[in-house]
Amino acid sequence: MSVSPLHDITNRIMSPVSKNPCGKIVGSCQRKLIVNSYKTRLQNEPLTAKMIMVPEIAEELGFGVKTVRNTINTYVHEGTVSSPRRKRIRNHSAWKDLDDFSRTAIRFKVNEFFRRNELPTLNAVLASVNEDEDLPNFTRTTFYR
């Protein structure tokens, strides 16, 4: 059994599939690659279930199974794929919404702790601020921010 020279050259040129690092963003070009692979498999094997195709595509391209599944589902439902947002949209600070009176009053509450030689912990200052009827009530997370 002899191996053809073309087959031998192809095996030397082919490199192993490199995995996409966990947590790294999969851009639109990579998503298109996933979709193209899915469409090609669908043309060649129309009766194959998506559940069987997804792990095969993930193994072939080096992406996670969940990434491939989500990309294919997005393509099936929306007809297109795009890159995810690279920056997280953050809500504006609650501190900016406060008027000057409230800001000064909260600073005064913190300074009271120092005058009493106590540490102004988040929970203690929050309780002090929420007890005051002149100041707005805060949740712990909003007050922390």
N, C-alpha and C. Protein backbone atom coordinates (compact mmCIF):
# COMPACT_ATOMS: atom_id res chain seq x y z
N MET A 1 0.84 -1.17 0.00
CA MET A 1 0.00 0.00 0.00
C MET A 1 0.89 1.24 0.00
N SER A 2 0.89 1.95 -1.09
CA SER A 2 1.74 3.13 -1.20
C SER A 2 0.90 4.39 -1.10
N VAL A 3 1.53 5.43 -0.59
CA VAL A 3 0.87 6.72 -0.44
C VAL A 3 1.30 7.60 -1.60
N SER A 4 0.34 8.26 -2.19
CA SER A 4 0.67 9.12 -3.32
C SER A 4 1.46 10.33 -2.85
N PRO A 5 2.32 10.87 -3.71
CA PRO A 5 3.12 12.04 -3.31
C PRO A 5 2.25 13.25 -2.96
N LEU A 6 1.12 13.40 -3.66
CA LEU A 6 0.23 14.53 -3.36
C LEU A 6 -0.36 14.41 -1.96
N HIS A 7 -0.76 13.17 -1.59
CA HIS A 7 -1.32 12.94 -0.25
C HIS A 7 -0.27 13.22 0.82
N ASP A 8 0.98 12.81 0.56
CA ASP A 8 2.07 13.02 1.51
C ASP A 8 2.34 14.51 1.71
N ILE A 9 2.33 15.30 0.64
CA ILE A 9 2.55 16.75 0.72
C ILE A 9 1.40 17.41 1.48
N THR A 10 0.17 17.00 1.20
CA THR A 10 -1.00 17.58 1.87
C THR A 10 -0.94 17.35 3.36
N ASN A 11 -0.53 16.16 3.77
CA ASN A 11 -0.44 15.86 5.20
C ASN A 11 0.62 16.71 5.88
N ARG A 12 1.70 17.02 5.20
CA ARG A 12 2.75 17.84 5.80
C ARG A 12 2.33 19.30 5.89
N ILE A 13 1.53 19.79 4.94
CA ILE A 13 1.11 21.19 4.93
C ILE A 13 0.03 21.45 5.97
N MET A 14 -0.88 20.51 6.16
CA MET A 14 -2.00 20.69 7.09
C MET A 14 -1.49 20.78 8.52
N SER A 15 -1.92 21.77 9.22
CA SER A 15 -1.55 21.90 10.62
C SER A 15 -2.77 21.58 11.47
N PRO A 16 -2.55 21.22 12.73
CA PRO A 16 -3.70 20.92 13.58
C PRO A 16 -4.54 22.17 13.83
N VAL A 17 -5.82 21.95 14.07
CA VAL A 17 -6.75 23.06 14.32
C VAL A 17 -6.41 23.69 15.65
N SER A 18 -6.23 25.01 15.67
CA SER A 18 -5.97 25.70 16.92
C SER A 18 -7.30 26.13 17.52
N LYS A 19 -7.43 25.91 18.82
CA LYS A 19 -8.66 26.23 19.51
C LYS A 19 -8.74 27.74 19.76
N ASN A 20 -9.96 28.27 19.69
CA ASN A 20 -10.19 29.67 20.04
C ASN A 20 -10.11 29.76 21.56
N PRO A 21 -9.30 30.64 22.13
CA PRO A 21 -9.18 30.73 23.59
C PRO A 21 -10.52 31.06 24.25
N CYS A 22 -10.72 30.48 25.41
CA CYS A 22 -11.96 30.69 26.16
C CYS A 22 -12.08 32.17 26.54
N GLY A 23 -13.22 32.76 26.28
CA GLY A 23 -13.47 34.15 26.63
C GLY A 23 -13.10 35.14 25.54
N LYS A 24 -12.41 34.69 24.49
CA LYS A 24 -12.02 35.59 23.42
C LYS A 24 -13.23 35.84 22.51
N ILE A 25 -13.40 37.07 22.07
CA ILE A 25 -14.54 37.44 21.24
C ILE A 25 -14.42 36.78 19.87
N VAL A 26 -15.53 36.24 19.41
CA VAL A 26 -15.59 35.64 18.07
C VAL A 26 -16.19 36.70 17.15
N GLY A 27 -15.39 37.21 16.23
CA GLY A 27 -15.80 38.30 15.35
C GLY A 27 -16.70 37.84 14.22
N SER A 28 -17.13 38.79 13.42
CA SER A 28 -18.08 38.49 12.34
C SER A 28 -17.46 37.59 11.27
N CYS A 29 -16.17 37.75 10.98
CA CYS A 29 -15.52 36.88 9.97
C CYS A 29 -15.52 35.43 10.44
N GLN A 30 -15.23 35.22 11.71
CA GLN A 30 -15.23 33.87 12.25
C GLN A 30 -16.65 33.30 12.30
N ARG A 31 -17.62 34.16 12.60
CA ARG A 31 -19.01 33.70 12.62
C ARG A 31 -19.47 33.32 11.21
N LYS A 32 -19.03 34.08 10.20
CA LYS A 32 -19.36 33.74 8.82
C LYS A 32 -18.74 32.40 8.43
N LEU A 33 -17.55 32.13 8.94
CA LEU A 33 -16.90 30.85 8.70
C LEU A 33 -17.74 29.71 9.27
N ILE A 34 -18.28 29.90 10.45
CA ILE A 34 -19.15 28.89 11.08
C ILE A 34 -20.40 28.69 10.23
N VAL A 35 -21.02 29.79 9.81
CA VAL A 35 -22.25 29.71 9.02
C VAL A 35 -21.98 29.04 7.67
N ASN A 36 -20.87 29.39 7.02
CA ASN A 36 -20.54 28.77 5.74
C ASN A 36 -20.32 27.27 5.89
N SER A 37 -19.66 26.88 6.95
CA SER A 37 -19.45 25.46 7.20
C SER A 37 -20.79 24.76 7.43
N TYR A 38 -21.68 25.41 8.16
CA TYR A 38 -23.02 24.86 8.42
C TYR A 38 -23.80 24.71 7.12
N LYS A 39 -23.77 25.75 6.27
CA LYS A 39 -24.51 25.70 5.01
C LYS A 39 -23.95 24.62 4.08
N THR A 40 -22.63 24.46 4.04
CA THR A 40 -22.01 23.44 3.21
C THR A 40 -22.43 22.04 3.67
N ARG A 41 -22.40 21.82 4.98
CA ARG A 41 -22.82 20.53 5.51
C ARG A 41 -24.30 20.28 5.24
N LEU A 42 -25.10 21.33 5.33
CA LEU A 42 -26.54 21.20 5.08
C LEU A 42 -26.80 20.83 3.62
N GLN A 43 -26.00 21.38 2.71
CA GLN A 43 -26.15 21.04 1.28
C GLN A 43 -25.72 19.60 1.02
N ASN A 44 -24.59 19.20 1.60
CA ASN A 44 -24.06 17.86 1.35
C ASN A 44 -24.87 16.77 2.05
N GLU A 45 -25.33 17.06 3.25
CA GLU A 45 -26.08 16.08 4.04
C GLU A 45 -27.35 16.72 4.57
N PRO A 46 -28.39 16.88 3.76
CA PRO A 46 -29.59 17.61 4.18
C PRO A 46 -30.38 16.94 5.29
N LEU A 47 -30.23 15.64 5.49
CA LEU A 47 -31.01 14.94 6.50
C LEU A 47 -30.32 14.86 7.86
N THR A 48 -29.10 15.35 7.96
CA THR A 48 -28.36 15.31 9.22
C THR A 48 -28.94 16.35 10.18
N ALA A 49 -29.14 15.94 11.42
CA ALA A 49 -29.70 16.84 12.44
C ALA A 49 -28.68 17.89 12.84
N LYS A 50 -29.20 19.04 13.25
CA LYS A 50 -28.32 20.13 13.69
C LYS A 50 -27.53 19.73 14.93
N MET A 51 -28.15 18.92 15.79
CA MET A 51 -27.47 18.49 17.01
C MET A 51 -26.22 17.67 16.71
N ILE A 52 -26.21 16.98 15.59
CA ILE A 52 -25.05 16.19 15.21
C ILE A 52 -24.01 17.07 14.51
N MET A 53 -24.48 18.03 13.73
CA MET A 53 -23.56 18.91 12.98
C MET A 53 -22.78 19.84 13.88
N VAL A 54 -23.41 20.37 14.91
CA VAL A 54 -22.79 21.40 15.75
C VAL A 54 -21.47 20.92 16.36
N PRO A 55 -21.43 19.77 17.05
CA PRO A 55 -20.13 19.35 17.61
C PRO A 55 -19.07 19.07 16.54
N GLU A 56 -19.50 18.58 15.37
CA GLU A 56 -18.54 18.32 14.30
C GLU A 56 -17.94 19.63 13.79
N ILE A 57 -18.79 20.65 13.60
CA ILE A 57 -18.29 21.96 13.14
C ILE A 57 -17.38 22.57 14.19
N ALA A 58 -17.76 22.44 15.47
CA ALA A 58 -16.93 22.99 16.55
C ALA A 58 -15.56 22.33 16.57
N GLU A 59 -15.52 21.03 16.40
CA GLU A 59 -14.25 20.31 16.38
C GLU A 59 -13.42 20.69 15.16
N GLU A 60 -14.07 20.82 14.02
CA GLU A 60 -13.39 21.12 12.76
C GLU A 60 -12.77 22.52 12.77
N LEU A 61 -13.52 23.50 13.30
CA LEU A 61 -13.06 24.90 13.24
C LEU A 61 -12.33 25.36 14.51
N GLY A 62 -12.44 24.61 15.60
CA GLY A 62 -11.74 24.97 16.82
C GLY A 62 -12.49 25.95 17.70
N PHE A 63 -13.81 26.01 17.57
CA PHE A 63 -14.63 26.86 18.43
C PHE A 63 -15.36 25.99 19.44
N GLY A 64 -15.91 26.62 20.47
CA GLY A 64 -16.70 25.89 21.44
C GLY A 64 -18.05 25.50 20.85
N VAL A 65 -18.60 24.44 21.38
CA VAL A 65 -19.90 23.94 20.89
C VAL A 65 -20.98 25.00 21.11
N LYS A 66 -20.94 25.64 22.26
CA LYS A 66 -21.96 26.66 22.56
C LYS A 66 -21.86 27.84 21.60
N THR A 67 -20.66 28.25 21.27
CA THR A 67 -20.45 29.35 20.32
C THR A 67 -21.02 28.99 18.96
N VAL A 68 -20.74 27.77 18.51
CA VAL A 68 -21.24 27.33 17.20
C VAL A 68 -22.76 27.25 17.22
N ARG A 69 -23.31 26.67 18.28
CA ARG A 69 -24.77 26.54 18.38
C ARG A 69 -25.45 27.90 18.38
N ASN A 70 -24.94 28.83 19.18
CA ASN A 70 -25.53 30.18 19.25
C ASN A 70 -25.42 30.91 17.92
N THR A 71 -24.28 30.76 17.24
CA THR A 71 -24.07 31.42 15.95
C THR A 71 -25.04 30.87 14.91
N ILE A 72 -25.19 29.57 14.86
CA ILE A 72 -26.10 28.96 13.89
C ILE A 72 -27.54 29.35 14.19
N ASN A 73 -27.92 29.35 15.48
CA ASN A 73 -29.29 29.76 15.84
C ASN A 73 -29.55 31.21 15.46
N THR A 74 -28.59 32.08 15.67
CA THR A 74 -28.74 33.48 15.28
C THR A 74 -28.92 33.59 13.78
N TYR A 75 -28.12 32.84 13.04
CA TYR A 75 -28.22 32.86 11.58
C TYR A 75 -29.58 32.35 11.12
N VAL A 76 -30.05 31.27 11.71
CA VAL A 76 -31.34 30.68 11.30
C VAL A 76 -32.49 31.64 11.59
N HIS A 77 -32.47 32.29 12.75
CA HIS A 77 -33.58 33.17 13.15
C HIS A 77 -33.52 34.55 12.50
N GLU A 78 -32.31 35.11 12.39
CA GLU A 78 -32.18 36.48 11.88
C GLU A 78 -31.71 36.55 10.43
N GLY A 79 -31.14 35.48 9.92
CA GLY A 79 -30.68 35.47 8.54
C GLY A 79 -29.30 36.07 8.35
N THR A 80 -28.68 36.54 9.40
CA THR A 80 -27.35 37.15 9.31
C THR A 80 -26.64 37.02 10.65
N VAL A 81 -25.34 37.22 10.64
CA VAL A 81 -24.56 37.24 11.88
C VAL A 81 -23.71 38.50 11.89
N SER A 82 -23.40 38.97 13.08
CA SER A 82 -22.58 40.17 13.20
C SER A 82 -21.68 40.04 14.42
N SER A 83 -20.75 40.96 14.54
CA SER A 83 -19.84 40.96 15.67
C SER A 83 -20.57 41.44 16.91
N PRO A 84 -20.20 40.92 18.08
CA PRO A 84 -20.80 41.43 19.30
C PRO A 84 -20.21 42.79 19.65
N ARG A 85 -20.90 43.51 20.55
CA ARG A 85 -20.36 44.79 21.01
C ARG A 85 -19.08 44.53 21.77
N ARG A 86 -18.09 45.33 21.53
CA ARG A 86 -16.81 45.12 22.20
C ARG A 86 -16.77 45.82 23.56
N LYS A 87 -17.58 46.85 23.72
CA LYS A 87 -17.61 47.55 25.00
C LYS A 87 -18.97 47.37 25.65
N ARG A 88 -18.96 47.22 26.95
CA ARG A 88 -20.19 47.07 27.68
C ARG A 88 -20.79 48.44 27.91
N ILE A 89 -22.07 48.58 27.68
CA ILE A 89 -22.75 49.84 27.91
C ILE A 89 -23.05 49.93 29.41
N ARG A 90 -22.53 50.94 30.03
CA ARG A 90 -22.71 51.09 31.47
C ARG A 90 -23.73 52.17 31.76
N ASN A 91 -24.47 51.95 32.82
CA ASN A 91 -25.43 52.97 33.25
C ASN A 91 -24.66 54.13 33.85
N HIS A 92 -25.24 55.31 33.76
CA HIS A 92 -24.56 56.46 34.34
C HIS A 92 -24.64 56.38 35.86
N SER A 93 -23.77 57.08 36.49
CA SER A 93 -23.62 57.02 37.94
C SER A 93 -24.81 57.64 38.65
N ALA A 94 -25.22 57.02 39.75
CA ALA A 94 -26.29 57.57 40.56
C ALA A 94 -25.83 58.85 41.25
N TRP A 95 -24.51 58.98 41.45
CA TRP A 95 -23.96 60.16 42.10
C TRP A 95 -24.22 61.42 41.27
N LYS A 96 -24.21 61.29 39.94
CA LYS A 96 -24.46 62.43 39.07
C LYS A 96 -25.91 62.88 39.11
N ASP A 97 -26.83 61.97 39.45
CA ASP A 97 -28.24 62.31 39.51
C ASP A 97 -28.62 63.09 40.77
N LEU A 98 -27.76 63.03 41.78
CA LEU A 98 -28.07 63.70 43.04
C LEU A 98 -27.84 65.21 42.94
N ASP A 99 -28.66 65.94 43.67
CA ASP A 99 -28.45 67.39 43.74
C ASP A 99 -27.34 67.69 44.75
N ASP A 100 -26.91 68.93 44.79
CA ASP A 100 -25.80 69.31 45.66
C ASP A 100 -26.13 69.12 47.14
N PHE A 101 -27.38 69.36 47.51
CA PHE A 101 -27.78 69.19 48.91
C PHE A 101 -27.58 67.74 49.35
N SER A 102 -28.03 66.80 48.53
CA SER A 102 -27.92 65.38 48.88
C SER A 102 -26.45 64.94 48.94
N ARG A 103 -25.66 65.39 47.99
CA ARG A 103 -24.24 65.02 48.01
C ARG A 103 -23.55 65.53 49.28
N THR A 104 -23.83 66.77 49.62
CA THR A 104 -23.23 67.36 50.82
C THR A 104 -23.70 66.63 52.07
N ALA A 105 -24.97 66.26 52.12
CA ALA A 105 -25.50 65.55 53.28
C ALA A 105 -24.86 64.17 53.42
N ILE A 106 -24.63 63.48 52.31
CA ILE A 106 -23.98 62.16 52.37
C ILE A 106 -22.54 62.31 52.83
N ARG A 107 -21.84 63.31 52.33
CA ARG A 107 -20.48 63.56 52.80
C ARG A 107 -20.46 63.84 54.30
N PHE A 108 -21.44 64.60 54.77
CA PHE A 108 -21.55 64.93 56.19
C PHE A 108 -21.75 63.65 57.01
N LYS A 109 -22.59 62.74 56.51
CA LYS A 109 -22.82 61.46 57.21
C LYS A 109 -21.51 60.68 57.34
N VAL A 110 -20.71 60.66 56.27
CA VAL A 110 -19.43 59.95 56.32
C VAL A 110 -18.49 60.62 57.32
N ASN A 111 -18.46 61.94 57.31
CA ASN A 111 -17.60 62.67 58.24
C ASN A 111 -18.01 62.46 59.70
N GLU A 112 -19.30 62.24 59.94
CA GLU A 112 -19.77 61.97 61.31
C GLU A 112 -19.12 60.69 61.86
N PHE A 113 -18.97 59.70 60.98
CA PHE A 113 -18.34 58.46 61.41
C PHE A 113 -16.91 58.72 61.86
N PHE A 114 -16.18 59.54 61.12
CA PHE A 114 -14.80 59.84 61.49
C PHE A 114 -14.74 60.62 62.81
N ARG A 115 -15.69 61.52 63.03
CA ARG A 115 -15.72 62.28 64.29
C ARG A 115 -15.95 61.37 65.48
N ARG A 116 -16.71 60.29 65.28
CA ARG A 116 -16.99 59.33 66.36
C ARG A 116 -15.92 58.24 66.45
N ASN A 117 -14.86 58.36 65.66
CA ASN A 117 -13.78 57.37 65.59
C ASN A 117 -14.30 55.99 65.19
N GLU A 118 -15.22 55.96 64.24
CA GLU A 118 -15.72 54.70 63.69
C GLU A 118 -15.35 54.63 62.22
N LEU A 119 -15.27 53.40 61.73
CA LEU A 119 -15.00 53.23 60.31
C LEU A 119 -16.30 53.37 59.51
N PRO A 120 -16.28 54.20 58.49
CA PRO A 120 -17.50 54.37 57.68
C PRO A 120 -17.64 53.24 56.65
N THR A 121 -18.13 52.09 57.10
CA THR A 121 -18.32 50.98 56.17
C THR A 121 -19.52 51.26 55.27
N LEU A 122 -19.58 50.53 54.17
CA LEU A 122 -20.66 50.72 53.22
C LEU A 122 -22.02 50.49 53.88
N ASN A 123 -22.14 49.40 54.63
CA ASN A 123 -23.42 49.09 55.25
C ASN A 123 -23.82 50.12 56.31
N ALA A 124 -22.83 50.59 57.07
CA ALA A 124 -23.14 51.56 58.13
C ALA A 124 -23.57 52.90 57.52
N VAL A 125 -22.85 53.38 56.53
CA VAL A 125 -23.20 54.66 55.90
C VAL A 125 -24.54 54.53 55.18
N LEU A 126 -24.76 53.41 54.52
CA LEU A 126 -26.03 53.19 53.82
C LEU A 126 -27.20 53.22 54.80
N ALA A 127 -27.05 52.57 55.95
CA ALA A 127 -28.12 52.58 56.96
C ALA A 127 -28.36 54.00 57.47
N SER A 128 -27.27 54.74 57.68
CA SER A 128 -27.39 56.11 58.16
C SER A 128 -28.09 57.00 57.13
N VAL A 129 -27.76 56.84 55.86
CA VAL A 129 -28.36 57.65 54.80
C VAL A 129 -29.83 57.29 54.62
N ASN A 130 -30.14 55.99 54.64
CA ASN A 130 -31.52 55.57 54.44
C ASN A 130 -32.43 55.92 55.61
N GLU A 131 -31.86 56.10 56.83
CA GLU A 131 -32.66 56.52 57.98
C GLU A 131 -33.08 57.99 57.86
N ASP A 132 -32.27 58.78 57.20
CA ASP A 132 -32.56 60.21 57.05
C ASP A 132 -33.68 60.40 56.03
N GLU A 133 -34.76 61.06 56.45
CA GLU A 133 -35.92 61.25 55.57
C GLU A 133 -35.67 62.30 54.49
N ASP A 134 -34.71 63.18 54.70
CA ASP A 134 -34.43 64.22 53.71
C ASP A 134 -33.65 63.68 52.50
N LEU A 135 -33.00 62.53 52.68
CA LEU A 135 -32.19 61.94 51.61
C LEU A 135 -32.95 60.81 50.93
N PRO A 136 -32.66 60.56 49.65
CA PRO A 136 -33.33 59.45 48.96
C PRO A 136 -32.83 58.11 49.50
N ASN A 137 -33.66 57.09 49.41
CA ASN A 137 -33.27 55.75 49.82
C ASN A 137 -32.49 55.08 48.69
N PHE A 138 -31.45 54.37 49.06
CA PHE A 138 -30.59 53.70 48.10
C PHE A 138 -30.60 52.20 48.35
N THR A 139 -30.40 51.43 47.30
CA THR A 139 -30.09 50.02 47.48
C THR A 139 -28.59 49.94 47.71
N ARG A 140 -28.14 48.80 48.19
CA ARG A 140 -26.73 48.65 48.52
C ARG A 140 -25.86 48.80 47.26
N THR A 141 -26.29 48.18 46.15
CA THR A 141 -25.50 48.22 44.93
C THR A 141 -25.40 49.63 44.37
N THR A 142 -26.52 50.35 44.35
CA THR A 142 -26.51 51.71 43.83
C THR A 142 -25.65 52.60 44.71
N PHE A 143 -25.75 52.44 46.02
CA PHE A 143 -24.95 53.27 46.91
C PHE A 143 -23.47 52.95 46.76
N TYR A 144 -23.13 51.68 46.54
CA TYR A 144 -21.73 51.29 46.33
C TYR A 144 -21.18 51.96 45.08
N ARG A 145 -21.96 52.00 44.02
CA ARG A 145 -21.50 52.61 42.78
C ARG A 145 -21.30 54.10 42.96
